[in-house]
């Protein structure tokens, strides 16, 4: 069986909901068919190379995640944030209350305010 045929017909399953477990199953199935002499070494070698390439690509991918401050800012209305920051800077509001109203901790409040003011 031509490896390109296997790849083309099972592409959706490999990239879909089954993910990496399906690829491991394919490799195991290819090795099992080789031991039963149903397919030749070509298919098994192809499965091993494909799995090695996918593992290499996966390890090179950047870890998912984002910038905490950008996420915090995106959750807050710009006008609301400016009103809270102005009230805190005038002394009408305690810094702990302002941080709480912006949904951040005291530890991250000043950097969040700096980022918000940069965007204005």
N, C-alpha and C. Protein backbone atom coordinates (compact mmCIF):
# COMPACT_ATOMS: atom_id res chain seq x y z
N UNK A 1 0.85 -1.18 0.00
CA UNK A 1 0.00 0.00 0.00
C UNK A 1 0.89 1.24 0.00
N UNK A 2 0.54 2.21 -0.80
CA UNK A 2 1.31 3.43 -0.94
C UNK A 2 1.10 4.33 0.28
N UNK A 3 2.17 4.76 0.96
CA UNK A 3 2.02 5.62 2.14
C UNK A 3 1.29 6.92 1.84
N UNK A 4 1.44 7.45 0.63
CA UNK A 4 0.73 8.68 0.29
C UNK A 4 -0.78 8.45 0.30
N UNK A 5 -1.20 7.27 -0.11
CA UNK A 5 -2.62 6.91 -0.11
C UNK A 5 -3.15 6.88 1.33
N UNK A 6 -2.39 6.27 2.22
CA UNK A 6 -2.79 6.21 3.63
C UNK A 6 -2.88 7.61 4.20
N UNK A 7 -1.89 8.45 3.92
CA UNK A 7 -1.86 9.80 4.45
C UNK A 7 -3.04 10.61 3.94
N UNK A 8 -3.33 10.51 2.64
CA UNK A 8 -4.40 11.31 2.05
C UNK A 8 -5.77 10.89 2.60
N UNK A 9 -6.00 9.61 2.76
CA UNK A 9 -7.31 9.14 3.21
C UNK A 9 -7.53 9.33 4.70
N UNK A 10 -6.48 9.38 5.50
CA UNK A 10 -6.64 9.48 6.95
C UNK A 10 -6.24 10.85 7.48
N UNK A 11 -6.06 11.81 6.58
CA UNK A 11 -5.61 13.13 7.00
C UNK A 11 -6.58 13.76 8.00
N UNK A 12 -7.87 13.69 7.73
CA UNK A 12 -8.85 14.30 8.63
C UNK A 12 -8.83 13.66 10.00
N UNK A 13 -8.72 12.37 10.06
CA UNK A 13 -8.69 11.70 11.36
C UNK A 13 -7.43 12.04 12.13
N UNK A 14 -6.31 12.16 11.42
CA UNK A 14 -5.04 12.43 12.10
C UNK A 14 -5.00 13.85 12.62
N UNK A 15 -5.60 14.79 11.91
CA UNK A 15 -5.55 16.17 12.33
C UNK A 15 -6.77 16.58 13.14
N UNK A 16 -7.73 15.71 13.25
CA UNK A 16 -8.97 16.05 13.92
C UNK A 16 -8.97 15.70 15.38
N UNK A 17 -10.08 15.17 15.83
CA UNK A 17 -10.29 14.96 17.26
C UNK A 17 -9.42 13.87 17.86
N UNK A 18 -8.84 12.99 17.04
CA UNK A 18 -8.05 11.89 17.59
C UNK A 18 -6.65 12.33 17.99
N UNK A 19 -6.11 13.32 17.31
CA UNK A 19 -4.81 13.88 17.67
C UNK A 19 -3.68 12.88 17.65
N UNK A 20 -2.76 13.00 18.58
CA UNK A 20 -1.54 12.21 18.62
C UNK A 20 -1.80 10.74 18.93
N UNK A 21 -2.86 10.43 19.68
CA UNK A 21 -3.14 9.04 20.00
C UNK A 21 -3.45 8.25 18.74
N UNK A 22 -4.08 8.90 17.78
CA UNK A 22 -4.36 8.23 16.51
C UNK A 22 -3.06 7.94 15.77
N UNK A 23 -2.12 8.89 15.81
CA UNK A 23 -0.84 8.68 15.14
C UNK A 23 -0.07 7.53 15.77
N UNK A 24 -0.12 7.43 17.09
CA UNK A 24 0.54 6.32 17.77
C UNK A 24 -0.13 5.00 17.40
N UNK A 25 -1.46 5.04 17.28
CA UNK A 25 -2.18 3.85 16.86
C UNK A 25 -1.75 3.44 15.45
N UNK A 26 -1.60 4.42 14.56
CA UNK A 26 -1.18 4.12 13.19
C UNK A 26 0.19 3.47 13.17
N UNK A 27 1.11 3.99 13.99
CA UNK A 27 2.44 3.41 14.03
C UNK A 27 2.37 1.98 14.56
N UNK A 28 1.60 1.79 15.63
CA UNK A 28 1.45 0.44 16.19
C UNK A 28 0.81 -0.51 15.21
N UNK A 29 -0.20 -0.01 14.49
CA UNK A 29 -0.87 -0.84 13.49
C UNK A 29 0.08 -1.19 12.36
N UNK A 30 0.92 -0.23 11.97
CA UNK A 30 1.87 -0.49 10.90
C UNK A 30 2.89 -1.54 11.32
N UNK A 31 3.35 -1.45 12.55
CA UNK A 31 4.33 -2.44 13.05
C UNK A 31 3.66 -3.81 13.14
N UNK A 32 2.42 -3.84 13.60
CA UNK A 32 1.71 -5.12 13.70
C UNK A 32 1.49 -5.74 12.32
N UNK A 33 1.12 -4.92 11.35
CA UNK A 33 0.92 -5.47 10.00
C UNK A 33 2.23 -5.95 9.41
N UNK A 34 3.34 -5.33 9.79
CA UNK A 34 4.65 -5.79 9.31
C UNK A 34 4.95 -7.17 9.91
N UNK A 35 4.66 -7.32 11.21
CA UNK A 35 4.94 -8.62 11.84
C UNK A 35 4.05 -9.72 11.26
N UNK A 36 2.87 -9.35 10.80
CA UNK A 36 1.98 -10.32 10.16
C UNK A 36 2.27 -10.45 8.66
N UNK A 37 3.21 -9.68 8.21
CA UNK A 37 3.63 -9.63 6.80
C UNK A 37 2.49 -9.22 5.86
N UNK A 38 1.64 -8.31 6.36
CA UNK A 38 0.57 -7.78 5.52
C UNK A 38 1.07 -6.62 4.67
N UNK A 39 1.98 -5.84 5.23
CA UNK A 39 2.59 -4.73 4.51
C UNK A 39 4.09 -4.85 4.65
N UNK A 40 4.80 -4.18 3.77
CA UNK A 40 6.25 -4.24 3.80
C UNK A 40 6.86 -3.23 4.75
N UNK A 41 8.17 -3.22 4.75
CA UNK A 41 8.92 -2.31 5.62
C UNK A 41 8.71 -0.85 5.23
N UNK A 42 8.33 -0.62 4.00
CA UNK A 42 8.17 0.74 3.50
C UNK A 42 7.12 1.50 4.31
N UNK A 43 6.00 0.86 4.57
CA UNK A 43 4.93 1.50 5.32
C UNK A 43 5.32 1.74 6.78
N UNK A 44 6.01 0.78 7.37
CA UNK A 44 6.44 0.93 8.76
C UNK A 44 7.46 2.05 8.87
N UNK A 45 8.40 2.09 7.95
CA UNK A 45 9.40 3.16 7.96
C UNK A 45 8.73 4.52 7.79
N UNK A 46 7.75 4.58 6.90
CA UNK A 46 7.03 5.83 6.68
C UNK A 46 6.32 6.26 7.96
N UNK A 47 5.66 5.33 8.66
CA UNK A 47 4.95 5.64 9.90
C UNK A 47 5.91 6.13 10.97
N UNK A 48 7.06 5.50 11.07
CA UNK A 48 8.06 5.92 12.07
C UNK A 48 8.58 7.31 11.75
N UNK A 49 8.87 7.58 10.47
CA UNK A 49 9.38 8.89 10.08
C UNK A 49 8.34 9.97 10.34
N UNK A 50 7.10 9.67 10.00
CA UNK A 50 6.02 10.65 10.20
C UNK A 50 5.85 10.98 11.68
N UNK A 51 5.87 9.96 12.52
CA UNK A 51 5.72 10.21 13.96
C UNK A 51 6.90 11.01 14.50
N UNK A 52 8.11 10.67 14.06
CA UNK A 52 9.29 11.41 14.52
C UNK A 52 9.21 12.87 14.09
N UNK A 53 8.75 13.11 12.87
CA UNK A 53 8.63 14.48 12.38
C UNK A 53 7.56 15.25 13.16
N UNK A 54 6.44 14.62 13.45
CA UNK A 54 5.39 15.28 14.22
C UNK A 54 5.84 15.59 15.64
N UNK A 55 6.56 14.68 16.25
CA UNK A 55 7.07 14.93 17.60
C UNK A 55 8.08 16.07 17.60
N UNK A 56 8.92 16.13 16.56
CA UNK A 56 9.90 17.21 16.45
C UNK A 56 9.20 18.55 16.29
N UNK A 57 8.19 18.60 15.41
CA UNK A 57 7.46 19.85 15.20
C UNK A 57 6.72 20.29 16.45
N UNK A 58 6.16 19.32 17.16
CA UNK A 58 5.43 19.64 18.39
C UNK A 58 6.36 20.21 19.45
N UNK A 59 7.57 19.67 19.54
CA UNK A 59 8.51 20.14 20.55
C UNK A 59 9.05 21.53 20.20
N UNK A 60 9.04 21.89 18.91
CA UNK A 60 9.54 23.20 18.49
C UNK A 60 8.50 24.30 18.66
N UNK A 61 7.22 23.92 18.78
CA UNK A 61 6.17 24.91 18.88
C UNK A 61 6.30 25.69 20.18
N UNK A 62 5.94 26.96 20.08
CA UNK A 62 5.97 27.81 21.25
C UNK A 62 4.86 27.40 22.21
N UNK A 63 5.16 27.45 23.47
CA UNK A 63 4.15 27.09 24.47
C UNK A 63 3.00 28.08 24.39
N UNK A 64 1.78 27.58 24.51
CA UNK A 64 0.65 28.49 24.45
C UNK A 64 0.61 29.39 25.67
N UNK A 65 0.08 30.53 25.46
CA UNK A 65 -0.02 31.48 26.56
C UNK A 65 -0.02 32.88 26.02
N UNK A 66 -0.32 33.81 26.84
CA UNK A 66 -0.37 35.19 26.40
C UNK A 66 0.22 36.11 27.43
N UNK A 67 0.10 37.38 27.15
CA UNK A 67 0.60 38.41 28.04
C UNK A 67 -0.48 38.72 29.08
N UNK A 68 -0.16 38.58 30.33
CA UNK A 68 -1.13 38.79 31.41
C UNK A 68 -1.72 40.19 31.34
N UNK A 69 -0.89 41.19 31.13
CA UNK A 69 -1.35 42.57 31.17
C UNK A 69 -2.26 42.89 29.99
N UNK A 70 -1.93 42.39 28.81
CA UNK A 70 -2.81 42.61 27.66
C UNK A 70 -4.17 41.94 27.89
N UNK A 71 -4.16 40.77 28.49
CA UNK A 71 -5.41 40.08 28.78
C UNK A 71 -6.23 40.86 29.79
N UNK A 72 -5.58 41.34 30.84
CA UNK A 72 -6.28 42.11 31.87
C UNK A 72 -6.88 43.38 31.27
N UNK A 73 -6.13 44.04 30.41
CA UNK A 73 -6.60 45.29 29.79
C UNK A 73 -7.77 45.02 28.86
N UNK A 74 -7.73 43.90 28.15
CA UNK A 74 -8.81 43.60 27.20
C UNK A 74 -10.13 43.32 27.91
N UNK A 75 -10.09 43.00 29.17
CA UNK A 75 -11.30 42.72 29.94
C UNK A 75 -11.95 43.97 30.52
N UNK A 76 -11.26 45.11 30.41
CA UNK A 76 -11.71 46.35 31.06
C UNK A 76 -12.06 47.38 29.99
N UNK A 77 -13.18 48.07 30.17
CA UNK A 77 -13.54 49.17 29.28
C UNK A 77 -12.55 50.31 29.50
N UNK A 78 -12.13 50.92 28.41
CA UNK A 78 -11.11 51.97 28.46
C UNK A 78 -11.56 53.16 29.31
N UNK A 79 -12.81 53.58 29.13
CA UNK A 79 -13.31 54.74 29.87
C UNK A 79 -13.45 54.44 31.36
N UNK A 80 -13.90 53.23 31.66
CA UNK A 80 -14.02 52.80 33.05
C UNK A 80 -12.65 52.76 33.71
N UNK A 81 -11.67 52.18 33.01
CA UNK A 81 -10.31 52.09 33.56
C UNK A 81 -9.73 53.47 33.81
N UNK A 82 -9.93 54.38 32.87
CA UNK A 82 -9.42 55.75 33.06
C UNK A 82 -10.09 56.44 34.24
N UNK A 83 -11.37 56.22 34.43
CA UNK A 83 -12.08 56.82 35.56
C UNK A 83 -11.54 56.29 36.89
N UNK A 84 -11.31 54.99 36.95
CA UNK A 84 -10.77 54.39 38.18
C UNK A 84 -9.35 54.89 38.44
N UNK A 85 -8.53 54.93 37.40
CA UNK A 85 -7.14 55.40 37.56
C UNK A 85 -7.11 56.86 38.01
N UNK A 86 -7.97 57.69 37.41
CA UNK A 86 -8.01 59.11 37.79
C UNK A 86 -8.49 59.28 39.24
N UNK A 87 -9.49 58.50 39.64
CA UNK A 87 -9.98 58.60 41.03
C UNK A 87 -8.89 58.18 42.01
N UNK A 88 -8.16 57.14 41.67
CA UNK A 88 -7.07 56.69 42.56
C UNK A 88 -5.94 57.71 42.60
N UNK A 89 -5.59 58.30 41.48
CA UNK A 89 -4.48 59.26 41.46
C UNK A 89 -4.85 60.57 42.16
N UNK A 90 -6.13 60.94 42.16
CA UNK A 90 -6.58 62.14 42.90
C UNK A 90 -6.66 61.88 44.39
N UNK A 91 -6.66 60.61 44.79
CA UNK A 91 -6.75 60.28 46.20
C UNK A 91 -8.17 60.03 46.65
N UNK A 92 -9.13 59.99 45.72
CA UNK A 92 -10.53 59.74 46.07
C UNK A 92 -10.80 58.26 46.33
N UNK A 93 -9.85 57.42 45.95
CA UNK A 93 -10.06 55.97 46.08
C UNK A 93 -8.75 55.33 46.54
N UNK A 94 -8.86 54.36 47.41
CA UNK A 94 -7.67 53.64 47.87
C UNK A 94 -7.12 52.78 46.73
N UNK A 95 -5.82 52.58 46.75
CA UNK A 95 -5.18 51.80 45.68
C UNK A 95 -5.68 50.35 45.66
N UNK A 96 -5.96 49.81 46.83
CA UNK A 96 -6.48 48.43 46.89
C UNK A 96 -7.85 48.34 46.24
N UNK A 97 -8.68 49.36 46.46
CA UNK A 97 -10.01 49.39 45.86
C UNK A 97 -9.90 49.54 44.34
N UNK A 98 -8.99 50.40 43.89
CA UNK A 98 -8.80 50.61 42.45
C UNK A 98 -8.32 49.32 41.77
N UNK A 99 -7.38 48.64 42.39
CA UNK A 99 -6.88 47.38 41.84
C UNK A 99 -8.00 46.36 41.77
N UNK A 100 -8.80 46.30 42.81
CA UNK A 100 -9.92 45.37 42.84
C UNK A 100 -10.93 45.70 41.75
N UNK A 101 -11.20 46.96 41.53
CA UNK A 101 -12.16 47.38 40.51
C UNK A 101 -11.65 47.09 39.09
N UNK A 102 -10.35 47.08 38.92
CA UNK A 102 -9.78 46.75 37.61
C UNK A 102 -9.57 45.25 37.44
N UNK A 103 -9.77 44.51 38.51
CA UNK A 103 -9.65 43.06 38.43
C UNK A 103 -8.23 42.56 38.45
N UNK A 104 -7.33 43.32 39.07
CA UNK A 104 -5.93 42.91 39.20
C UNK A 104 -5.52 42.97 40.66
N UNK A 105 -4.39 42.42 40.97
CA UNK A 105 -3.88 42.45 42.35
C UNK A 105 -3.08 43.73 42.57
N UNK A 106 -2.78 43.99 43.83
CA UNK A 106 -1.93 45.15 44.14
C UNK A 106 -0.56 45.01 43.49
N UNK A 107 -0.09 43.79 43.43
CA UNK A 107 1.24 43.52 42.86
C UNK A 107 1.31 43.91 41.38
N UNK A 108 0.21 43.73 40.66
CA UNK A 108 0.22 43.99 39.22
C UNK A 108 -0.46 45.30 38.85
N UNK A 109 -0.97 46.01 39.82
CA UNK A 109 -1.74 47.22 39.55
C UNK A 109 -0.94 48.28 38.79
N UNK A 110 0.24 48.60 39.26
CA UNK A 110 1.01 49.70 38.65
C UNK A 110 1.40 49.39 37.21
N UNK A 111 1.80 48.18 36.94
CA UNK A 111 2.18 47.83 35.57
C UNK A 111 0.95 47.82 34.66
N UNK A 112 -0.20 47.38 35.19
CA UNK A 112 -1.44 47.40 34.41
C UNK A 112 -1.82 48.84 34.09
N UNK A 113 -1.71 49.72 35.06
CA UNK A 113 -2.02 51.14 34.85
C UNK A 113 -1.08 51.72 33.81
N UNK A 114 0.20 51.41 33.88
CA UNK A 114 1.17 51.90 32.88
C UNK A 114 0.78 51.45 31.47
N UNK A 115 0.40 50.18 31.34
CA UNK A 115 -0.01 49.67 30.02
C UNK A 115 -1.27 50.36 29.52
N UNK A 116 -2.24 50.60 30.42
CA UNK A 116 -3.47 51.27 30.02
C UNK A 116 -3.17 52.70 29.56
N UNK A 117 -2.32 53.39 30.31
CA UNK A 117 -1.98 54.76 29.95
C UNK A 117 -1.16 54.84 28.66
N UNK A 118 -0.37 53.82 28.37
CA UNK A 118 0.38 53.78 27.09
C UNK A 118 -0.57 53.72 25.91
N UNK A 119 -1.68 53.00 26.10
CA UNK A 119 -2.63 52.80 25.01
C UNK A 119 -3.47 54.05 24.75
N UNK A 120 -3.60 54.91 25.73
CA UNK A 120 -4.45 56.10 25.60
C UNK A 120 -3.81 57.17 24.75
